[in-house]
């Protein structure tokens, strides 16, 4: 691999709770967070990074005339950190096809549903409205299809009587904060790869639902 696969850049837009989990794991884990980039200058996650002595950069998308210009600037900012992996952690920008191709196989995202079910936003309320009994979280490779890249791993939770969107979000966050650093560590160890739009773990082709943790 051209870049150091144990070096990670995290992209954020907000609070950065998954960033914090990834940072915490890195202290005793097998990867390091080389930098944190936000498209929002007021993102609290930037403070988390600074408190952890991790370099940060801000690229305010509102200052760019087009998505392509923003994507190009973002890609250049990422390259300055020379990471092996790019981790989207609450990054609220859709990345264009050229950006994804530039970092093919090196971008991860986390999504609060059991993909391929419920891509997009507002997943907690949507699963409640649909009367589902099971909900969960997925980590997947990023491809040009929104929330459509190969799933790497999932964790599930039971939906209980009395659950609402807020309680489901809290339960899902707890799962995310364990699952995401785990998958990042798989990549850092060279166990995880994307090949021909399929995800492989330890040279084993993963099923559509990825590696089921629970």
N, C-alpha and C. Protein backbone atom coordinates (compact mmCIF):
# COMPACT_ATOMS: atom_id res chain seq x y z
N UNK A 1 0.85 -1.20 0.00
CA UNK A 1 0.00 0.00 0.00
C UNK A 1 0.88 1.24 0.00
N UNK A 2 0.49 2.20 -0.83
CA UNK A 2 1.30 3.41 -0.98
C UNK A 2 1.41 4.17 0.33
N UNK A 3 0.31 4.25 1.07
CA UNK A 3 0.32 4.99 2.32
C UNK A 3 0.41 4.02 3.50
N UNK A 4 0.64 4.57 4.67
CA UNK A 4 0.72 3.76 5.88
C UNK A 4 -0.68 3.35 6.31
N UNK A 5 -1.01 2.07 6.17
CA UNK A 5 -2.37 1.64 6.44
C UNK A 5 -2.72 1.72 7.92
N UNK A 6 -1.75 1.90 8.78
CA UNK A 6 -2.03 2.07 10.20
C UNK A 6 -2.27 3.53 10.58
N UNK A 7 -2.22 4.41 9.59
CA UNK A 7 -2.45 5.83 9.82
C UNK A 7 -3.83 6.21 9.29
N UNK A 8 -4.61 6.90 10.11
CA UNK A 8 -6.01 7.16 9.82
C UNK A 8 -6.29 8.66 9.84
N UNK A 9 -7.08 9.13 8.88
CA UNK A 9 -7.65 10.47 8.92
C UNK A 9 -9.15 10.34 9.10
N UNK A 10 -9.70 11.11 10.03
CA UNK A 10 -11.13 11.05 10.34
C UNK A 10 -11.80 12.33 9.87
N UNK A 11 -12.90 12.19 9.14
CA UNK A 11 -13.68 13.33 8.66
C UNK A 11 -14.94 13.45 9.51
N UNK A 12 -15.21 14.66 10.00
CA UNK A 12 -16.34 14.89 10.90
C UNK A 12 -17.10 16.14 10.48
N UNK A 13 -18.32 16.24 11.02
CA UNK A 13 -19.11 17.47 10.85
C UNK A 13 -19.70 17.97 12.15
N UNK A 14 -19.66 17.14 13.20
CA UNK A 14 -20.37 17.52 14.41
C UNK A 14 -19.68 17.14 15.70
N UNK A 15 -20.44 16.46 16.56
CA UNK A 15 -20.02 16.19 17.92
C UNK A 15 -18.76 15.33 18.02
N UNK A 16 -18.64 14.35 17.15
CA UNK A 16 -17.42 13.55 17.12
C UNK A 16 -17.36 12.45 18.15
N UNK A 17 -18.50 11.85 18.52
CA UNK A 17 -18.45 10.77 19.51
C UNK A 17 -17.77 9.52 18.94
N UNK A 18 -17.99 9.23 17.67
CA UNK A 18 -17.28 8.10 17.06
C UNK A 18 -15.79 8.42 16.91
N UNK A 19 -15.48 9.66 16.61
CA UNK A 19 -14.08 10.07 16.58
C UNK A 19 -13.44 9.79 17.93
N UNK A 20 -14.13 10.15 19.01
CA UNK A 20 -13.58 9.92 20.35
C UNK A 20 -13.31 8.44 20.60
N UNK A 21 -14.25 7.60 20.18
CA UNK A 21 -14.08 6.16 20.36
C UNK A 21 -12.87 5.65 19.57
N UNK A 22 -12.71 6.16 18.35
CA UNK A 22 -11.57 5.76 17.52
C UNK A 22 -10.26 6.25 18.13
N UNK A 23 -10.27 7.48 18.65
CA UNK A 23 -9.08 8.01 19.32
C UNK A 23 -8.74 7.19 20.56
N UNK A 24 -9.75 6.90 21.37
CA UNK A 24 -9.52 6.15 22.61
C UNK A 24 -8.92 4.78 22.31
N UNK A 25 -9.45 4.11 21.30
CA UNK A 25 -8.97 2.77 20.94
C UNK A 25 -7.53 2.83 20.45
N UNK A 26 -7.19 3.92 19.77
CA UNK A 26 -5.86 4.02 19.17
C UNK A 26 -4.75 4.07 20.22
N UNK A 27 -5.09 4.49 21.43
CA UNK A 27 -4.08 4.61 22.48
C UNK A 27 -3.39 3.28 22.74
N UNK A 28 -4.18 2.21 22.74
CA UNK A 28 -3.61 0.88 22.97
C UNK A 28 -3.80 -0.03 21.76
N UNK A 29 -4.26 0.55 20.66
CA UNK A 29 -4.56 -0.25 19.47
C UNK A 29 -3.40 -0.30 18.49
N UNK A 30 -3.74 -0.63 17.25
CA UNK A 30 -2.72 -0.89 16.23
C UNK A 30 -2.72 0.17 15.13
N UNK A 31 -3.35 1.32 15.39
CA UNK A 31 -3.38 2.38 14.39
C UNK A 31 -3.24 3.72 15.11
N UNK A 32 -2.98 4.76 14.34
CA UNK A 32 -2.89 6.10 14.92
C UNK A 32 -3.76 7.05 14.10
N UNK A 33 -4.32 8.03 14.75
CA UNK A 33 -5.11 9.06 14.07
C UNK A 33 -4.17 10.19 13.69
N UNK A 34 -3.90 10.32 12.38
CA UNK A 34 -2.93 11.31 11.91
C UNK A 34 -3.53 12.70 11.84
N UNK A 35 -4.84 12.78 11.62
CA UNK A 35 -5.47 14.09 11.50
C UNK A 35 -6.98 13.98 11.50
N UNK A 36 -7.62 15.10 11.80
CA UNK A 36 -9.08 15.21 11.79
C UNK A 36 -9.45 16.41 10.94
N UNK A 37 -10.37 16.21 10.01
CA UNK A 37 -10.80 17.27 9.10
C UNK A 37 -12.31 17.45 9.23
N UNK A 38 -12.73 18.70 9.33
CA UNK A 38 -14.16 19.01 9.43
C UNK A 38 -14.56 20.01 8.36
N UNK A 39 -15.77 19.86 7.87
CA UNK A 39 -16.33 20.86 6.95
C UNK A 39 -17.07 21.95 7.70
N UNK A 40 -17.13 21.83 9.03
CA UNK A 40 -17.80 22.83 9.86
C UNK A 40 -16.81 23.35 10.91
N UNK A 41 -16.55 24.64 10.90
CA UNK A 41 -15.58 25.19 11.85
C UNK A 41 -16.02 25.10 13.29
N UNK A 42 -17.33 24.94 13.54
CA UNK A 42 -17.84 24.89 14.90
C UNK A 42 -18.04 23.46 15.40
N UNK A 43 -17.58 22.46 14.66
CA UNK A 43 -17.77 21.06 15.06
C UNK A 43 -17.05 20.78 16.38
N UNK A 44 -17.77 20.24 17.34
CA UNK A 44 -17.18 19.95 18.65
C UNK A 44 -16.08 18.90 18.54
N UNK A 45 -16.17 18.04 17.55
CA UNK A 45 -15.15 17.03 17.36
C UNK A 45 -13.75 17.61 17.16
N UNK A 46 -13.67 18.83 16.66
CA UNK A 46 -12.36 19.48 16.52
C UNK A 46 -11.73 19.70 17.88
N UNK A 47 -12.54 20.04 18.88
CA UNK A 47 -12.02 20.23 20.23
C UNK A 47 -11.54 18.89 20.80
N UNK A 48 -12.26 17.83 20.50
CA UNK A 48 -11.83 16.50 20.96
C UNK A 48 -10.45 16.18 20.40
N UNK A 49 -10.27 16.45 19.11
CA UNK A 49 -8.98 16.17 18.48
C UNK A 49 -7.87 17.01 19.09
N UNK A 50 -8.15 18.29 19.28
CA UNK A 50 -7.14 19.18 19.86
C UNK A 50 -6.75 18.75 21.26
N UNK A 51 -7.74 18.29 22.04
CA UNK A 51 -7.46 17.81 23.39
C UNK A 51 -6.61 16.54 23.35
N UNK A 52 -6.70 15.80 22.25
CA UNK A 52 -5.89 14.61 22.08
C UNK A 52 -4.60 14.86 21.32
N UNK A 53 -4.27 16.14 21.13
CA UNK A 53 -3.04 16.54 20.43
C UNK A 53 -2.97 15.98 19.01
N UNK A 54 -4.12 15.93 18.35
CA UNK A 54 -4.20 15.46 16.97
C UNK A 54 -4.39 16.66 16.06
N UNK A 55 -3.59 16.77 15.00
CA UNK A 55 -3.72 17.91 14.09
C UNK A 55 -5.11 17.96 13.45
N UNK A 56 -5.60 19.18 13.25
CA UNK A 56 -6.92 19.36 12.64
C UNK A 56 -6.83 20.29 11.44
N UNK A 57 -7.86 20.21 10.61
CA UNK A 57 -8.00 21.13 9.48
C UNK A 57 -9.48 21.37 9.26
N UNK A 58 -9.82 22.57 8.84
CA UNK A 58 -11.21 22.93 8.54
C UNK A 58 -11.31 23.35 7.09
N UNK A 59 -12.22 22.72 6.36
CA UNK A 59 -12.54 23.13 5.00
C UNK A 59 -14.04 23.40 4.97
N UNK A 60 -14.41 24.65 5.11
CA UNK A 60 -15.82 25.03 5.14
C UNK A 60 -16.41 24.90 3.74
N UNK A 61 -17.33 23.96 3.57
CA UNK A 61 -17.88 23.70 2.23
C UNK A 61 -18.61 24.92 1.66
N UNK A 62 -19.05 25.82 2.55
CA UNK A 62 -19.76 27.00 2.08
C UNK A 62 -18.85 27.98 1.33
N UNK A 63 -17.54 27.78 1.48
CA UNK A 63 -16.59 28.67 0.84
C UNK A 63 -16.17 28.20 -0.56
N UNK A 64 -16.78 27.09 -1.01
CA UNK A 64 -16.42 26.54 -2.32
C UNK A 64 -17.61 26.65 -3.26
N UNK A 65 -17.33 27.03 -4.49
CA UNK A 65 -18.39 27.31 -5.46
C UNK A 65 -19.09 26.06 -5.96
N UNK A 66 -18.45 24.91 -5.82
CA UNK A 66 -19.06 23.67 -6.29
C UNK A 66 -18.60 22.51 -5.44
N UNK A 67 -19.33 21.41 -5.53
CA UNK A 67 -18.94 20.21 -4.79
C UNK A 67 -17.60 19.68 -5.28
N UNK A 68 -17.37 19.77 -6.58
CA UNK A 68 -16.11 19.28 -7.13
C UNK A 68 -14.92 20.05 -6.56
N UNK A 69 -15.06 21.36 -6.46
CA UNK A 69 -13.97 22.16 -5.89
C UNK A 69 -13.72 21.79 -4.43
N UNK A 70 -14.80 21.60 -3.70
CA UNK A 70 -14.66 21.19 -2.30
C UNK A 70 -14.00 19.82 -2.20
N UNK A 71 -14.48 18.87 -3.01
CA UNK A 71 -13.92 17.52 -2.99
C UNK A 71 -12.42 17.53 -3.31
N UNK A 72 -12.03 18.33 -4.28
CA UNK A 72 -10.61 18.39 -4.66
C UNK A 72 -9.77 18.95 -3.52
N UNK A 73 -10.28 20.00 -2.88
CA UNK A 73 -9.55 20.59 -1.76
C UNK A 73 -9.47 19.61 -0.59
N UNK A 74 -10.56 18.90 -0.35
CA UNK A 74 -10.59 17.92 0.73
C UNK A 74 -9.60 16.79 0.46
N UNK A 75 -9.58 16.30 -0.78
CA UNK A 75 -8.65 15.23 -1.13
C UNK A 75 -7.20 15.67 -0.93
N UNK A 76 -6.90 16.89 -1.33
CA UNK A 76 -5.53 17.40 -1.15
C UNK A 76 -5.18 17.53 0.33
N UNK A 77 -6.15 17.96 1.14
CA UNK A 77 -5.91 18.08 2.58
C UNK A 77 -5.66 16.71 3.20
N UNK A 78 -6.40 15.73 2.75
CA UNK A 78 -6.21 14.36 3.25
C UNK A 78 -4.83 13.86 2.87
N UNK A 79 -4.44 14.07 1.62
CA UNK A 79 -3.15 13.57 1.14
C UNK A 79 -1.97 14.14 1.94
N UNK A 80 -2.14 15.34 2.47
CA UNK A 80 -1.05 15.93 3.26
C UNK A 80 -0.76 15.14 4.53
N UNK A 81 -1.76 14.41 5.00
CA UNK A 81 -1.56 13.56 6.18
C UNK A 81 -1.00 12.18 5.81
N UNK A 82 -1.04 11.84 4.53
CA UNK A 82 -0.55 10.56 4.02
C UNK A 82 -1.15 9.36 4.76
N UNK A 83 -2.48 9.30 4.89
CA UNK A 83 -3.08 8.17 5.61
C UNK A 83 -3.26 6.96 4.72
N UNK A 84 -3.40 5.81 5.38
CA UNK A 84 -3.79 4.62 4.64
C UNK A 84 -5.29 4.47 4.59
N UNK A 85 -5.99 5.11 5.53
CA UNK A 85 -7.43 4.93 5.65
C UNK A 85 -8.11 6.25 5.97
N UNK A 86 -9.27 6.45 5.37
CA UNK A 86 -10.11 7.62 5.64
C UNK A 86 -11.39 7.11 6.30
N UNK A 87 -11.71 7.66 7.46
CA UNK A 87 -12.87 7.22 8.22
C UNK A 87 -13.88 8.36 8.30
N UNK A 88 -15.08 8.12 7.80
CA UNK A 88 -16.16 9.10 7.89
C UNK A 88 -16.90 8.87 9.20
N UNK A 89 -16.90 9.86 10.06
CA UNK A 89 -17.51 9.74 11.38
C UNK A 89 -18.47 10.90 11.58
N UNK A 90 -19.68 10.74 11.07
CA UNK A 90 -20.64 11.84 11.12
C UNK A 90 -20.29 12.96 10.18
N UNK A 91 -19.71 12.62 9.03
CA UNK A 91 -19.34 13.62 8.02
C UNK A 91 -20.54 13.82 7.10
N UNK A 92 -21.16 14.98 7.18
CA UNK A 92 -22.45 15.21 6.54
C UNK A 92 -22.31 15.85 5.15
N UNK A 93 -21.43 15.30 4.36
CA UNK A 93 -21.29 15.74 2.97
C UNK A 93 -21.26 14.50 2.08
N UNK A 94 -21.98 14.56 0.97
CA UNK A 94 -21.94 13.47 -0.01
C UNK A 94 -20.68 13.66 -0.87
N UNK A 95 -19.87 12.63 -0.93
CA UNK A 95 -18.62 12.69 -1.67
C UNK A 95 -18.85 12.28 -3.13
N UNK A 96 -18.25 13.04 -4.04
CA UNK A 96 -18.43 12.79 -5.46
C UNK A 96 -17.68 11.57 -5.95
N UNK A 97 -18.03 11.14 -7.16
CA UNK A 97 -17.46 9.93 -7.73
C UNK A 97 -15.95 10.02 -7.89
N UNK A 98 -15.44 11.17 -8.32
CA UNK A 98 -14.00 11.31 -8.52
C UNK A 98 -13.25 11.17 -7.20
N UNK A 99 -13.80 11.74 -6.15
CA UNK A 99 -13.17 11.63 -4.82
C UNK A 99 -13.13 10.17 -4.40
N UNK A 100 -14.24 9.48 -4.54
CA UNK A 100 -14.31 8.08 -4.12
C UNK A 100 -13.31 7.23 -4.91
N UNK A 101 -13.22 7.48 -6.21
CA UNK A 101 -12.27 6.72 -7.04
C UNK A 101 -10.83 6.99 -6.62
N UNK A 102 -10.55 8.23 -6.24
CA UNK A 102 -9.19 8.60 -5.85
C UNK A 102 -8.72 7.80 -4.63
N UNK A 103 -9.66 7.49 -3.73
CA UNK A 103 -9.31 6.76 -2.51
C UNK A 103 -10.00 5.40 -2.46
N UNK A 104 -10.21 4.80 -3.60
CA UNK A 104 -10.95 3.54 -3.70
C UNK A 104 -10.40 2.48 -2.73
N UNK A 105 -11.30 1.89 -1.96
CA UNK A 105 -10.91 0.83 -1.05
C UNK A 105 -10.29 1.32 0.24
N UNK A 106 -10.27 2.63 0.45
CA UNK A 106 -9.60 3.20 1.62
C UNK A 106 -10.52 4.14 2.40
N UNK A 107 -11.83 4.06 2.16
CA UNK A 107 -12.79 4.92 2.85
C UNK A 107 -13.84 4.06 3.53
N UNK A 108 -14.03 4.29 4.83
CA UNK A 108 -15.06 3.60 5.60
C UNK A 108 -16.12 4.60 6.06
N UNK A 109 -17.34 4.08 6.20
CA UNK A 109 -18.43 4.88 6.76
C UNK A 109 -19.22 4.01 7.73
N UNK A 110 -19.87 4.65 8.67
CA UNK A 110 -20.76 3.95 9.59
C UNK A 110 -22.17 4.49 9.40
N UNK A 111 -23.16 3.58 9.42
CA UNK A 111 -24.54 3.97 9.13
C UNK A 111 -25.47 3.33 10.16
N UNK A 112 -26.40 4.11 10.72
CA UNK A 112 -27.26 3.60 11.79
C UNK A 112 -28.47 2.81 11.28
N UNK A 113 -28.20 1.72 10.59
CA UNK A 113 -29.24 0.75 10.24
C UNK A 113 -28.56 -0.54 9.82
N UNK A 114 -29.35 -1.57 9.65
CA UNK A 114 -28.82 -2.83 9.15
C UNK A 114 -28.92 -2.82 7.63
N UNK A 115 -27.90 -2.22 7.01
CA UNK A 115 -27.89 -2.14 5.56
C UNK A 115 -27.95 -3.54 4.95
N UNK A 116 -28.60 -3.69 3.79
CA UNK A 116 -29.05 -2.64 2.87
C UNK A 116 -30.39 -1.99 3.23
N UNK A 117 -30.99 -2.35 4.38
CA UNK A 117 -32.24 -1.73 4.79
C UNK A 117 -31.99 -0.33 5.34
N UNK A 118 -32.88 0.57 5.02
CA UNK A 118 -32.90 1.93 5.56
C UNK A 118 -31.62 2.73 5.32
N UNK A 119 -31.23 2.85 4.06
CA UNK A 119 -30.17 3.82 3.77
C UNK A 119 -30.72 5.24 3.95
N UNK A 120 -29.82 6.21 3.95
CA UNK A 120 -30.27 7.60 4.07
C UNK A 120 -30.39 8.04 5.51
N UNK A 121 -31.25 9.02 5.75
CA UNK A 121 -31.34 9.68 7.06
C UNK A 121 -32.58 9.25 7.84
N UNK A 122 -32.64 9.71 9.09
CA UNK A 122 -33.81 9.52 9.95
C UNK A 122 -34.13 8.04 10.16
N UNK A 123 -33.08 7.21 10.27
CA UNK A 123 -33.30 5.76 10.29
C UNK A 123 -34.05 5.29 11.53
N UNK A 124 -33.78 5.90 12.68
CA UNK A 124 -34.41 5.41 13.92
C UNK A 124 -35.93 5.54 13.86
N UNK A 125 -36.40 6.69 13.41
CA UNK A 125 -37.86 6.87 13.31
C UNK A 125 -38.46 6.01 12.22
N UNK A 126 -37.72 5.82 11.15
CA UNK A 126 -38.24 5.01 10.05
C UNK A 126 -38.42 3.55 10.45
N UNK A 127 -37.48 3.00 11.21
CA UNK A 127 -37.65 1.60 11.62
C UNK A 127 -38.80 1.47 12.61
N UNK A 128 -38.99 2.48 13.45
CA UNK A 128 -40.13 2.47 14.37
C UNK A 128 -41.45 2.54 13.60
N UNK A 129 -41.51 3.43 12.62
CA UNK A 129 -42.73 3.59 11.83
C UNK A 129 -43.07 2.33 11.05
N UNK A 130 -42.05 1.57 10.69
CA UNK A 130 -42.26 0.35 9.92
C UNK A 130 -42.59 -0.86 10.80
N UNK A 131 -42.54 -0.67 12.12
CA UNK A 131 -42.86 -1.76 13.03
C UNK A 131 -41.79 -2.83 13.13
N UNK A 132 -40.55 -2.46 12.86
CA UNK A 132 -39.47 -3.43 12.92
C UNK A 132 -39.21 -3.88 14.37
N UNK A 133 -38.71 -5.08 14.50
CA UNK A 133 -38.35 -5.60 15.82
C UNK A 133 -36.85 -5.58 16.06
N UNK A 134 -36.09 -5.31 14.99
CA UNK A 134 -34.64 -5.34 15.06
C UNK A 134 -34.09 -4.09 14.38
N UNK A 135 -33.07 -3.54 14.98
CA UNK A 135 -32.40 -2.36 14.43
C UNK A 135 -30.90 -2.59 14.58
N UNK A 136 -30.08 -1.69 14.07
CA UNK A 136 -28.66 -1.92 14.22
C UNK A 136 -27.80 -0.88 13.53
N UNK A 137 -26.54 -1.23 13.36
CA UNK A 137 -25.56 -0.33 12.79
C UNK A 137 -24.66 -1.12 11.85
N UNK A 138 -24.22 -0.48 10.78
CA UNK A 138 -23.37 -1.12 9.77
C UNK A 138 -22.14 -0.27 9.50
N UNK A 139 -21.00 -0.92 9.34
CA UNK A 139 -19.80 -0.28 8.82
C UNK A 139 -19.57 -0.82 7.42
N UNK A 140 -19.34 0.10 6.48
CA UNK A 140 -19.21 -0.34 5.09
C UNK A 140 -18.12 0.45 4.37
N UNK A 141 -17.62 -0.13 3.30
CA UNK A 141 -16.74 0.61 2.40
C UNK A 141 -17.57 1.64 1.65
N UNK A 142 -16.99 2.79 1.40
CA UNK A 142 -17.66 3.84 0.65
C UNK A 142 -17.42 3.63 -0.84
N UNK A 143 -18.52 3.61 -1.58
CA UNK A 143 -18.47 3.57 -3.04
C UNK A 143 -19.30 4.74 -3.57
N UNK A 144 -19.46 4.79 -4.87
CA UNK A 144 -20.20 5.90 -5.46
C UNK A 144 -21.68 5.87 -5.11
N UNK A 145 -22.20 4.73 -4.69
CA UNK A 145 -23.60 4.61 -4.32
C UNK A 145 -23.77 4.98 -2.85
N UNK A 146 -24.64 5.94 -2.56
CA UNK A 146 -24.83 6.42 -1.19
C UNK A 146 -25.28 5.29 -0.28
N UNK A 147 -24.51 5.04 0.78
CA UNK A 147 -24.80 3.98 1.74
C UNK A 147 -24.91 2.61 1.07
N UNK A 148 -24.30 2.47 -0.11
CA UNK A 148 -24.46 1.25 -0.88
C UNK A 148 -23.21 0.42 -1.02
N UNK A 149 -22.10 0.83 -0.41
CA UNK A 149 -20.87 0.06 -0.51
C UNK A 149 -20.96 -1.24 0.27
N UNK A 150 -20.08 -2.19 -0.02
CA UNK A 150 -20.11 -3.49 0.65
C UNK A 150 -20.04 -3.36 2.17
N UNK A 151 -20.96 -4.04 2.84
CA UNK A 151 -21.00 -4.03 4.30
C UNK A 151 -19.86 -4.89 4.84
N UNK A 152 -19.17 -4.37 5.85
CA UNK A 152 -18.06 -5.08 6.48
C UNK A 152 -18.52 -5.77 7.75
N UNK A 153 -19.25 -5.08 8.58
CA UNK A 153 -19.68 -5.64 9.86
C UNK A 153 -20.94 -4.94 10.34
N UNK A 154 -21.73 -5.69 11.11
CA UNK A 154 -22.96 -5.14 11.67
C UNK A 154 -23.13 -5.59 13.11
N UNK A 155 -23.80 -4.76 13.88
CA UNK A 155 -24.29 -5.16 15.20
C UNK A 155 -25.78 -4.82 15.25
N UNK A 156 -26.54 -5.64 15.94
CA UNK A 156 -27.98 -5.44 15.99
C UNK A 156 -28.45 -5.26 17.43
N UNK A 157 -29.60 -4.63 17.56
CA UNK A 157 -30.27 -4.47 18.85
C UNK A 157 -31.75 -4.79 18.68
N UNK A 158 -32.36 -5.27 19.75
CA UNK A 158 -33.80 -5.50 19.74
C UNK A 158 -34.52 -4.18 20.01
N UNK A 159 -35.60 -3.95 19.30
CA UNK A 159 -36.43 -2.78 19.56
C UNK A 159 -37.47 -3.18 20.61
N UNK A 160 -37.45 -2.47 21.72
CA UNK A 160 -38.31 -2.83 22.85
C UNK A 160 -39.52 -1.90 22.93
N UNK A 161 -40.55 -2.38 23.61
CA UNK A 161 -41.72 -1.54 23.85
C UNK A 161 -41.29 -0.27 24.57
N UNK A 162 -41.76 0.85 24.12
CA UNK A 162 -41.40 2.12 24.74
C UNK A 162 -40.22 2.81 24.10
N UNK A 163 -39.51 2.12 23.21
CA UNK A 163 -38.40 2.77 22.51
C UNK A 163 -38.93 3.87 21.60
N UNK A 164 -38.19 4.97 21.55
CA UNK A 164 -38.45 6.01 20.57
C UNK A 164 -37.15 6.29 19.83
N UNK A 165 -37.19 7.27 18.93
CA UNK A 165 -36.00 7.56 18.12
C UNK A 165 -34.81 7.93 19.00
N UNK A 166 -35.07 8.62 20.10
CA UNK A 166 -33.98 9.06 20.98
C UNK A 166 -33.34 7.88 21.71
N UNK A 167 -34.16 6.98 22.24
CA UNK A 167 -33.58 5.84 22.95
C UNK A 167 -32.86 4.90 21.99
N UNK A 168 -33.40 4.73 20.79
CA UNK A 168 -32.72 3.90 19.80
C UNK A 168 -31.37 4.50 19.42
N UNK A 169 -31.34 5.82 19.25
CA UNK A 169 -30.08 6.49 18.90
C UNK A 169 -29.03 6.25 19.98
N UNK A 170 -29.43 6.33 21.25
CA UNK A 170 -28.49 6.12 22.35
C UNK A 170 -27.95 4.69 22.34
N UNK A 171 -28.83 3.72 22.10
CA UNK A 171 -28.40 2.32 22.06
C UNK A 171 -27.47 2.07 20.88
N UNK A 172 -27.79 2.67 19.74
CA UNK A 172 -26.97 2.48 18.55
C UNK A 172 -25.59 3.11 18.75
N UNK A 173 -25.54 4.28 19.39
CA UNK A 173 -24.25 4.92 19.64
C UNK A 173 -23.33 4.01 20.45
N UNK A 174 -23.88 3.33 21.44
CA UNK A 174 -23.06 2.42 22.24
C UNK A 174 -22.45 1.33 21.37
N UNK A 175 -23.22 0.80 20.44
CA UNK A 175 -22.72 -0.24 19.53
C UNK A 175 -21.68 0.34 18.58
N UNK A 176 -21.94 1.54 18.08
CA UNK A 176 -21.02 2.17 17.13
C UNK A 176 -19.63 2.34 17.74
N UNK A 177 -19.60 2.73 18.99
CA UNK A 177 -18.33 3.10 19.62
C UNK A 177 -17.42 1.90 19.87
N UNK A 178 -17.97 0.70 19.76
CA UNK A 178 -17.17 -0.52 19.82
C UNK A 178 -16.89 -1.05 18.42
N UNK A 179 -17.92 -1.04 17.58
CA UNK A 179 -17.80 -1.64 16.25
C UNK A 179 -16.83 -0.89 15.35
N UNK A 180 -16.92 0.43 15.34
CA UNK A 180 -16.12 1.20 14.38
C UNK A 180 -14.61 1.05 14.63
N UNK A 181 -14.14 1.23 15.87
CA UNK A 181 -12.70 1.04 16.10
C UNK A 181 -12.25 -0.39 15.77
N UNK A 182 -13.12 -1.36 15.99
CA UNK A 182 -12.78 -2.74 15.67
C UNK A 182 -12.51 -2.91 14.18
N UNK A 183 -13.38 -2.36 13.36
CA UNK A 183 -13.21 -2.48 11.91
C UNK A 183 -11.98 -1.71 11.44
N UNK A 184 -11.75 -0.53 12.03
CA UNK A 184 -10.54 0.23 11.68
C UNK A 184 -9.30 -0.60 11.99
N UNK A 185 -9.31 -1.31 13.11
CA UNK A 185 -8.15 -2.13 13.48
C UNK A 185 -7.97 -3.29 12.51
N UNK A 186 -9.06 -3.84 11.99
CA UNK A 186 -8.95 -4.90 10.98
C UNK A 186 -8.21 -4.37 9.75
N UNK A 187 -8.57 -3.17 9.33
CA UNK A 187 -7.91 -2.59 8.16
C UNK A 187 -6.43 -2.34 8.46
N UNK A 188 -6.16 -1.82 9.64
CA UNK A 188 -4.78 -1.49 10.00
C UNK A 188 -3.89 -2.73 10.00
N UNK A 189 -4.47 -3.87 10.34
CA UNK A 189 -3.72 -5.12 10.38
C UNK A 189 -3.64 -5.79 9.01
N UNK A 190 -4.23 -5.18 7.99
CA UNK A 190 -4.19 -5.76 6.66
C UNK A 190 -5.15 -6.93 6.47
N UNK A 191 -6.10 -7.06 7.40
CA UNK A 191 -7.06 -8.17 7.32
C UNK A 191 -8.24 -7.87 6.42
N UNK A 192 -8.46 -6.59 6.15
CA UNK A 192 -9.67 -6.15 5.47
C UNK A 192 -9.32 -5.49 4.15
N UNK A 193 -10.08 -5.83 3.09
CA UNK A 193 -9.82 -5.19 1.80
C UNK A 193 -11.09 -5.16 0.97
N UNK A 194 -11.10 -4.23 0.02
CA UNK A 194 -12.16 -4.13 -0.98
C UNK A 194 -11.58 -4.58 -2.31
N UNK A 195 -12.27 -5.50 -2.95
CA UNK A 195 -11.80 -6.03 -4.23
C UNK A 195 -13.00 -6.29 -5.13
N UNK A 196 -13.02 -5.65 -6.31
CA UNK A 196 -14.13 -5.83 -7.26
C UNK A 196 -15.48 -5.61 -6.60
N UNK A 197 -15.55 -4.57 -5.77
CA UNK A 197 -16.78 -4.17 -5.08
C UNK A 197 -17.28 -5.23 -4.09
N UNK A 198 -16.38 -6.06 -3.61
CA UNK A 198 -16.69 -7.02 -2.55
C UNK A 198 -15.74 -6.78 -1.38
N UNK A 199 -16.24 -7.02 -0.17
CA UNK A 199 -15.43 -6.88 1.03
C UNK A 199 -14.90 -8.24 1.45
N UNK A 200 -13.61 -8.28 1.78
CA UNK A 200 -12.97 -9.51 2.23
C UNK A 200 -12.35 -9.28 3.61
N UNK A 201 -12.55 -10.23 4.49
CA UNK A 201 -11.92 -10.22 5.81
C UNK A 201 -11.13 -11.52 5.95
N UNK A 202 -9.84 -11.40 6.18
CA UNK A 202 -8.96 -12.57 6.27
C UNK A 202 -9.12 -13.44 5.02
N UNK A 203 -9.17 -12.79 3.85
CA UNK A 203 -9.29 -13.45 2.55
C UNK A 203 -10.61 -14.21 2.38
N UNK A 204 -11.57 -13.94 3.24
CA UNK A 204 -12.89 -14.57 3.15
C UNK A 204 -13.90 -13.54 2.65
N UNK A 205 -14.59 -13.88 1.58
CA UNK A 205 -15.61 -12.99 1.05
C UNK A 205 -16.73 -12.84 2.07
N UNK A 206 -17.01 -11.59 2.44
CA UNK A 206 -18.06 -11.34 3.42
C UNK A 206 -19.43 -11.38 2.76
N UNK A 207 -20.44 -11.85 3.48
CA UNK A 207 -21.81 -11.86 2.92
C UNK A 207 -22.35 -10.44 2.79
N UNK A 208 -23.50 -10.32 2.20
CA UNK A 208 -24.10 -9.00 1.97
C UNK A 208 -24.27 -8.23 3.27
N UNK A 209 -24.56 -8.93 4.35
CA UNK A 209 -24.77 -8.26 5.65
C UNK A 209 -23.48 -8.10 6.43
N UNK A 210 -22.33 -8.49 5.84
CA UNK A 210 -21.07 -8.34 6.51
C UNK A 210 -20.87 -9.33 7.64
N UNK A 211 -19.88 -9.07 8.47
CA UNK A 211 -19.58 -9.90 9.63
C UNK A 211 -20.56 -9.53 10.74
N UNK A 212 -21.42 -10.46 11.14
CA UNK A 212 -22.38 -10.18 12.19
C UNK A 212 -21.70 -10.33 13.55
N UNK A 213 -21.62 -9.24 14.29
CA UNK A 213 -21.01 -9.27 15.61
C UNK A 213 -22.00 -9.79 16.63
N UNK A 214 -23.24 -9.26 16.60
CA UNK A 214 -24.33 -9.78 17.41
C UNK A 214 -25.60 -9.75 16.58
